[in-house]
C-alpha atoms as a PDB file:
ATOM      1  CA  THR A   1       9.032 -32.355 -29.798  1.00  0.00           C
ATOM      2  CA  ILE A   2       7.568 -30.115 -27.097  1.00  0.00           C
ATOM      3  CA  LEU A   3       3.921 -29.293 -27.803  1.00  0.00           C
ATOM      4  CA  ALA A   4       3.127 -27.393 -24.595  1.00  0.00           C
ATOM      5  CA  PHE A   5       4.954 -26.401 -21.459  1.00  0.00           C
ATOM      6  CA  GLU A   6       4.260 -24.996 -18.028  1.00  0.00           C
ATOM      7  CA  VAL A   7       5.128 -21.311 -17.954  1.00  0.00           C
ATOM      8  CA  GLY A   8       3.722 -19.839 -14.751  1.00  0.00           C
ATOM      9  CA  ASP A   9       2.663 -16.220 -14.351  1.00  0.00           C
ATOM     10  CA  ASN A  10       1.944 -13.618 -17.042  1.00  0.00           C
ATOM     11  CA  PHE A  11       1.625 -15.725 -20.177  1.00  0.00           C
ATOM     12  CA  LYS A  12      -0.703 -15.674 -23.153  1.00  0.00           C
ATOM     13  CA  PRO A  13      -2.939 -18.737 -23.657  1.00  0.00           C
ATOM     14  CA  TRP A  14      -1.866 -21.224 -26.345  1.00  0.00           C
ATOM     15  CA  GLY A  15      -4.906 -20.342 -28.449  1.00  0.00           C
ATOM     16  CA  ASP A  16      -3.959 -16.662 -28.623  1.00  0.00           C
ATOM     17  CA  PRO A  17      -2.640 -16.026 -32.166  1.00  0.00           C
ATOM     18  CA  THR A  18      -0.130 -13.509 -30.791  1.00  0.00           C
ATOM     19  CA  ASN A  19       1.473 -16.115 -28.517  1.00  0.00           C
ATOM     20  CA  THR A  20       4.855 -16.688 -30.102  1.00  0.00           C
ATOM     21  CA  ALA A  21       6.564 -18.162 -27.036  1.00  0.00           C
ATOM     22  CA  VAL A  22       9.535 -20.407 -27.777  1.00  0.00           C
ATOM     23  CA  PRO A  23      10.104 -23.064 -25.088  1.00  0.00           C
ATOM     24  CA  ALA A  24      13.891 -22.707 -25.170  1.00  0.00           C
ATOM     25  CA  GLU A  25      13.537 -19.003 -24.419  1.00  0.00           C
ATOM     26  CA  ARG A  26      10.699 -19.179 -21.852  1.00  0.00           C
ATOM     27  CA  MET A  27      11.470 -22.167 -19.643  1.00  0.00           C
ATOM     28  CA  ASN A  28      14.685 -20.849 -18.130  1.00  0.00           C
ATOM     29  CA  SER A  29      13.646 -17.210 -17.959  1.00  0.00           C
ATOM     30  CA  GLY A  30      12.771 -17.203 -14.258  1.00  0.00           C
ATOM     31  CA  ASN A  31       9.048 -17.830 -14.675  1.00  0.00           C
ATOM     32  CA  LYS A  32       7.351 -18.787 -11.418  1.00  0.00           C
ATOM     33  CA  THR A  33       5.729 -22.216 -11.696  1.00  0.00           C
ATOM     34  CA  ALA A  34       4.100 -24.559  -9.206  1.00  0.00           C
ATOM     35  CA  PHE A  35       7.227 -26.746  -9.132  1.00  0.00           C
ATOM     36  CA  ARG A  36      10.775 -25.998  -8.087  1.00  0.00           C
ATOM     37  CA  GLY A  37      13.743 -26.795 -10.261  1.00  0.00           C
ATOM     38  CA  GLY A  38      12.080 -27.017 -13.658  1.00  0.00           C
ATOM     39  CA  SER A  39       8.877 -27.326 -15.663  1.00  0.00           C
ATOM     40  CA  HIS A  40       6.607 -30.025 -17.030  1.00  0.00           C
ATOM     41  CA  VAL A  41       6.347 -30.395 -20.795  1.00  0.00           C
ATOM     42  CA  LEU A  42       3.913 -32.228 -23.051  1.00  0.00           C
ATOM     43  CA  LEU A  43       5.736 -34.048 -25.834  1.00  0.00           C
ATOM     44  CA  GLY A  44       4.455 -35.011 -29.264  1.00  0.00           C
ATOM     45  CA  ASP A  45       4.270 -38.687 -28.304  1.00  0.00           C
ATOM     46  CA  GLY A  46       1.727 -37.823 -25.588  1.00  0.00           C
ATOM     47  CA  SER A  47       4.110 -38.220 -22.672  1.00  0.00           C
ATOM     48  CA  VAL A  48       4.659 -35.585 -19.990  1.00  0.00           C
ATOM     49  CA  ARG A  49       8.191 -35.076 -18.690  1.00  0.00           C
ATOM     50  CA  PHE A  50       9.723 -32.855 -16.030  1.00  0.00           C
ATOM     51  CA  LEU A  51      12.652 -30.899 -17.439  1.00  0.00           C
ATOM     52  CA  SER A  52      15.239 -29.501 -15.064  1.00  0.00           C
ATOM     53  CA  GLU A  53      15.873 -25.770 -15.145  1.00  0.00           C
ATOM     54  CA  ASN A  54      19.512 -26.804 -15.622  1.00  0.00           C
ATOM     55  CA  ILE A  55      18.861 -28.717 -18.870  1.00  0.00           C
ATOM     56  CA  ASP A  56      21.517 -28.243 -21.533  1.00  0.00           C
ATOM     57  CA  PRO A  57      20.259 -25.351 -23.718  1.00  0.00           C
ATOM     58  CA  ALA A  58      21.162 -27.285 -26.870  1.00  0.00           C
ATOM     59  CA  VAL A  59      18.945 -30.206 -25.790  1.00  0.00           C
ATOM     60  CA  LEU A  60      16.084 -27.847 -24.921  1.00  0.00           C
ATOM     61  CA  LYS A  61      16.388 -26.163 -28.307  1.00  0.00           C
ATOM     62  CA  ALA A  62      16.380 -29.544 -30.062  1.00  0.00           C
ATOM     63  CA  LEU A  63      13.241 -30.554 -28.144  1.00  0.00           C
ATOM     64  CA  SER A  64      11.607 -27.287 -29.230  1.00  0.00           C
ATOM     65  CA  THR A  65      11.887 -27.857 -32.976  1.00  0.00           C
ATOM     66  CA  PRO A  66       9.859 -30.396 -34.946  1.00  0.00           C
ATOM     67  CA  ASP A  67      11.707 -32.747 -37.274  1.00  0.00           C
ATOM     68  CA  GLY A  68      15.054 -31.062 -36.807  1.00  0.00           C
ATOM     69  CA  GLY A  69      16.862 -34.377 -37.178  1.00  0.00           C
ATOM     70  CA  GLU A  70      18.777 -33.869 -33.927  1.00  0.00           C
ATOM     71  CA  ARG A  71      19.655 -36.965 -31.940  1.00  0.00           C
ATOM     72  CA  ILE A  72      18.438 -36.545 -28.379  1.00  0.00           C
ATOM     73  CA  ASP A  73      19.590 -39.073 -25.816  1.00  0.00           C
ATOM     74  CA  GLU A  74      18.098 -39.301 -22.318  1.00  0.00           C
ATOM     75  CA  PHE A  75      17.465 -35.915 -20.777  1.00  0.00           C
END
């Protein structure tokens, strides 16, 4: 499960109670980040992965929900 992700410009900090960003909606929305072609994400197991901006939306949505029971193969 994605715990945090790189969003680029004009975002609210994670600690802001009005931050309701959903990774599946924010990552592919044209946000400018320091890296081309995708964004880094922090996963619940402590690993950091680079996700392509071309990731299958269904996989990104599955990574965005805790304990959804979805099977996620390599991405």
